[in-house]
Amino acid sequence: MVSVSLNTDTAEKYNALCHPQQPNAYQAMKDFAKEIRKYVPTVMMTVVDTIPKEEIEACRKLAEDLGAIFRVRPFAG
């Protein structure tokens, strides 16, 4: 099993939240989640329960579209 932290539902929000070093990191993360399914039977994408419900649902759809299981993680701050 591979778990990918999706974090949010758009590249713009992802860049603001995660500050990736590569400009296309959000798309690369989605591509990885899709590609890894060829090698690993279970792929899960997650978000933390602190983002708005609309974003959670958008992330759920995105994960499902990529063929991944979706899970909302509780914030452990």
N, C-alpha and C. Protein backbone atom coordinates (compact mmCIF):
# COMPACT_ATOMS: atom_id res chain seq x y z
N MET A 1 0.84 -1.18 0.00
CA MET A 1 0.00 0.00 0.00
C MET A 1 0.88 1.24 0.00
N VAL A 2 0.43 2.24 -0.74
CA VAL A 2 1.10 3.53 -0.77
C VAL A 2 0.07 4.58 -0.37
N SER A 3 0.47 5.50 0.49
CA SER A 3 -0.40 6.59 0.90
C SER A 3 0.23 7.90 0.43
N VAL A 4 -0.59 8.70 -0.26
CA VAL A 4 -0.15 9.99 -0.79
C VAL A 4 -0.96 11.08 -0.11
N SER A 5 -0.30 12.04 0.50
CA SER A 5 -1.00 13.15 1.14
C SER A 5 -1.36 14.18 0.07
N LEU A 6 -2.62 14.24 -0.26
CA LEU A 6 -3.12 15.14 -1.30
C LEU A 6 -3.12 16.59 -0.83
N ASN A 7 -3.45 16.81 0.41
CA ASN A 7 -3.42 18.12 1.09
C ASN A 7 -4.53 19.08 0.70
N THR A 8 -4.80 19.25 -0.58
CA THR A 8 -5.83 20.20 -1.01
C THR A 8 -6.25 19.89 -2.44
N ASP A 9 -7.19 20.66 -2.97
CA ASP A 9 -7.83 20.28 -4.23
C ASP A 9 -7.35 21.00 -5.48
N THR A 10 -6.44 21.96 -5.35
CA THR A 10 -5.95 22.66 -6.55
C THR A 10 -4.44 22.88 -6.44
N ALA A 11 -3.81 23.05 -7.59
CA ALA A 11 -2.37 23.31 -7.61
C ALA A 11 -2.03 24.62 -6.89
N GLU A 12 -2.86 25.63 -7.07
CA GLU A 12 -2.60 26.93 -6.42
C GLU A 12 -2.60 26.81 -4.90
N LYS A 13 -3.60 26.14 -4.36
CA LYS A 13 -3.67 25.95 -2.90
C LYS A 13 -2.52 25.06 -2.41
N TYR A 14 -2.20 24.03 -3.20
CA TYR A 14 -1.11 23.12 -2.85
C TYR A 14 0.21 23.89 -2.77
N ASN A 15 0.47 24.74 -3.77
CA ASN A 15 1.70 25.52 -3.77
C ASN A 15 1.78 26.47 -2.58
N ALA A 16 0.66 27.10 -2.24
CA ALA A 16 0.63 28.02 -1.10
C ALA A 16 0.83 27.28 0.22
N LEU A 17 0.29 26.08 0.32
CA LEU A 17 0.36 25.30 1.56
C LEU A 17 1.70 24.58 1.73
N CYS A 18 2.18 23.96 0.65
CA CYS A 18 3.33 23.06 0.75
C CYS A 18 4.66 23.67 0.31
N HIS A 19 4.62 24.76 -0.43
CA HIS A 19 5.83 25.43 -0.92
C HIS A 19 6.79 24.45 -1.61
N PRO A 20 6.31 23.73 -2.63
CA PRO A 20 7.18 22.75 -3.29
C PRO A 20 8.33 23.43 -4.03
N GLN A 21 9.43 22.70 -4.17
CA GLN A 21 10.59 23.23 -4.88
C GLN A 21 10.40 23.19 -6.39
N GLN A 22 9.57 22.28 -6.87
CA GLN A 22 9.33 22.14 -8.30
C GLN A 22 8.00 22.81 -8.65
N PRO A 23 7.95 23.54 -9.76
CA PRO A 23 6.73 24.28 -10.11
C PRO A 23 5.52 23.41 -10.45
N ASN A 24 5.73 22.20 -10.88
CA ASN A 24 4.62 21.34 -11.29
C ASN A 24 4.41 20.19 -10.30
N ALA A 25 4.71 20.42 -9.03
CA ALA A 25 4.68 19.36 -8.02
C ALA A 25 3.28 18.76 -7.83
N TYR A 26 2.25 19.57 -7.86
CA TYR A 26 0.89 19.06 -7.64
C TYR A 26 0.51 18.06 -8.74
N GLN A 27 0.77 18.42 -9.99
CA GLN A 27 0.48 17.50 -11.09
C GLN A 27 1.36 16.26 -11.01
N ALA A 28 2.61 16.43 -10.64
CA ALA A 28 3.52 15.29 -10.51
C ALA A 28 3.03 14.33 -9.42
N MET A 29 2.52 14.87 -8.32
CA MET A 29 1.99 14.04 -7.24
C MET A 29 0.78 13.25 -7.73
N LYS A 30 -0.11 13.89 -8.50
CA LYS A 30 -1.27 13.18 -9.04
C LYS A 30 -0.83 12.12 -10.05
N ASP A 31 0.14 12.45 -10.89
CA ASP A 31 0.66 11.49 -11.86
C ASP A 31 1.28 10.29 -11.16
N PHE A 32 2.02 10.54 -10.08
CA PHE A 32 2.62 9.47 -9.29
C PHE A 32 1.54 8.54 -8.74
N ALA A 33 0.49 9.12 -8.16
CA ALA A 33 -0.58 8.31 -7.58
C ALA A 33 -1.23 7.42 -8.64
N LYS A 34 -1.38 7.94 -9.83
CA LYS A 34 -1.97 7.15 -10.91
C LYS A 34 -1.00 6.07 -11.41
N GLU A 35 0.25 6.43 -11.60
CA GLU A 35 1.26 5.51 -12.13
C GLU A 35 1.58 4.38 -11.15
N ILE A 36 1.67 4.69 -9.86
CA ILE A 36 2.07 3.69 -8.87
C ILE A 36 1.04 2.56 -8.77
N ARG A 37 -0.18 2.81 -9.20
CA ARG A 37 -1.21 1.76 -9.18
C ARG A 37 -0.81 0.57 -10.03
N LYS A 38 0.07 0.76 -10.99
CA LYS A 38 0.55 -0.34 -11.83
C LYS A 38 1.41 -1.32 -11.04
N TYR A 39 1.99 -0.86 -9.93
CA TYR A 39 2.96 -1.63 -9.17
C TYR A 39 2.52 -1.99 -7.76
N VAL A 40 1.61 -1.21 -7.22
CA VAL A 40 1.16 -1.40 -5.84
C VAL A 40 -0.36 -1.56 -5.86
N PRO A 41 -0.88 -2.63 -5.27
CA PRO A 41 -2.32 -2.89 -5.39
C PRO A 41 -3.24 -1.85 -4.73
N THR A 42 -2.78 -1.20 -3.69
CA THR A 42 -3.64 -0.25 -2.98
C THR A 42 -2.96 1.11 -2.89
N VAL A 43 -3.62 2.12 -3.43
CA VAL A 43 -3.14 3.49 -3.33
C VAL A 43 -4.19 4.30 -2.58
N MET A 44 -3.76 4.99 -1.55
CA MET A 44 -4.66 5.82 -0.76
C MET A 44 -4.20 7.27 -0.85
N MET A 45 -5.15 8.17 -1.01
CA MET A 45 -4.85 9.60 -0.98
C MET A 45 -5.58 10.19 0.22
N THR A 46 -4.90 11.07 0.94
CA THR A 46 -5.46 11.59 2.18
C THR A 46 -5.44 13.11 2.23
N VAL A 47 -6.31 13.63 3.09
CA VAL A 47 -6.30 15.05 3.45
C VAL A 47 -6.54 15.12 4.96
N VAL A 48 -6.20 16.26 5.54
CA VAL A 48 -6.45 16.49 6.96
C VAL A 48 -7.81 17.15 7.11
N ASP A 49 -8.51 16.83 8.19
CA ASP A 49 -9.89 17.29 8.39
C ASP A 49 -10.03 18.78 8.70
N THR A 50 -8.96 19.53 8.56
CA THR A 50 -9.03 20.97 8.84
C THR A 50 -9.37 21.81 7.61
N ILE A 51 -9.37 21.21 6.43
CA ILE A 51 -9.73 21.98 5.22
C ILE A 51 -11.25 22.02 5.08
N PRO A 52 -11.77 23.00 4.35
CA PRO A 52 -13.23 23.11 4.20
C PRO A 52 -13.85 21.86 3.56
N LYS A 53 -15.09 21.59 3.93
CA LYS A 53 -15.79 20.40 3.45
C LYS A 53 -15.86 20.35 1.92
N GLU A 54 -15.99 21.52 1.28
CA GLU A 54 -16.05 21.55 -0.18
C GLU A 54 -14.74 21.05 -0.77
N GLU A 55 -13.62 21.42 -0.16
CA GLU A 55 -12.31 20.95 -0.62
C GLU A 55 -12.16 19.46 -0.38
N ILE A 56 -12.65 18.99 0.76
CA ILE A 56 -12.59 17.56 1.06
C ILE A 56 -13.34 16.78 -0.01
N GLU A 57 -14.51 17.24 -0.38
CA GLU A 57 -15.30 16.53 -1.39
C GLU A 57 -14.63 16.60 -2.76
N ALA A 58 -14.01 17.73 -3.09
CA ALA A 58 -13.28 17.84 -4.36
C ALA A 58 -12.08 16.88 -4.36
N CYS A 59 -11.42 16.76 -3.21
CA CYS A 59 -10.30 15.83 -3.10
C CYS A 59 -10.77 14.38 -3.19
N ARG A 60 -11.91 14.09 -2.60
CA ARG A 60 -12.48 12.75 -2.69
C ARG A 60 -12.71 12.37 -4.16
N LYS A 61 -13.30 13.29 -4.91
CA LYS A 61 -13.56 13.02 -6.33
C LYS A 61 -12.27 12.85 -7.10
N LEU A 62 -11.29 13.69 -6.82
CA LEU A 62 -10.01 13.60 -7.50
C LEU A 62 -9.36 12.24 -7.24
N ALA A 63 -9.34 11.81 -5.97
CA ALA A 63 -8.75 10.52 -5.61
C ALA A 63 -9.49 9.38 -6.31
N GLU A 64 -10.80 9.43 -6.29
CA GLU A 64 -11.58 8.39 -6.96
C GLU A 64 -11.32 8.38 -8.46
N ASP A 65 -11.20 9.55 -9.07
CA ASP A 65 -10.90 9.64 -10.50
C ASP A 65 -9.54 9.03 -10.83
N LEU A 66 -8.62 9.10 -9.89
CA LEU A 66 -7.29 8.51 -10.08
C LEU A 66 -7.25 7.04 -9.70
N GLY A 67 -8.36 6.51 -9.21
CA GLY A 67 -8.43 5.10 -8.83
C GLY A 67 -7.88 4.81 -7.45
N ALA A 68 -7.79 5.82 -6.61
CA ALA A 68 -7.25 5.66 -5.26
C ALA A 68 -8.37 5.61 -4.23
N ILE A 69 -8.06 5.01 -3.10
CA ILE A 69 -8.93 5.06 -1.93
C ILE A 69 -8.75 6.46 -1.33
N PHE A 70 -9.77 6.99 -0.69
CA PHE A 70 -9.68 8.32 -0.10
C PHE A 70 -9.94 8.22 1.40
N ARG A 71 -9.13 8.96 2.16
CA ARG A 71 -9.30 8.98 3.62
C ARG A 71 -9.06 10.38 4.14
N VAL A 72 -9.91 10.80 5.07
CA VAL A 72 -9.75 12.07 5.76
C VAL A 72 -9.08 11.76 7.09
N ARG A 73 -7.91 12.36 7.31
CA ARG A 73 -7.15 12.13 8.53
C ARG A 73 -7.50 13.20 9.57
N PRO A 74 -7.57 12.82 10.84
CA PRO A 74 -7.79 13.83 11.87
C PRO A 74 -6.51 14.63 12.10
N PHE A 75 -6.67 15.91 12.37
CA PHE A 75 -5.53 16.77 12.68
C PHE A 75 -4.96 16.35 14.04
N ALA A 76 -3.66 16.14 14.09
CA ALA A 76 -3.02 15.69 15.32
C ALA A 76 -2.08 16.75 15.87
N GLY A 77 -2.55 18.01 15.85
CA GLY A 77 -1.72 19.14 16.20
C GLY A 77 -1.43 19.29 17.62
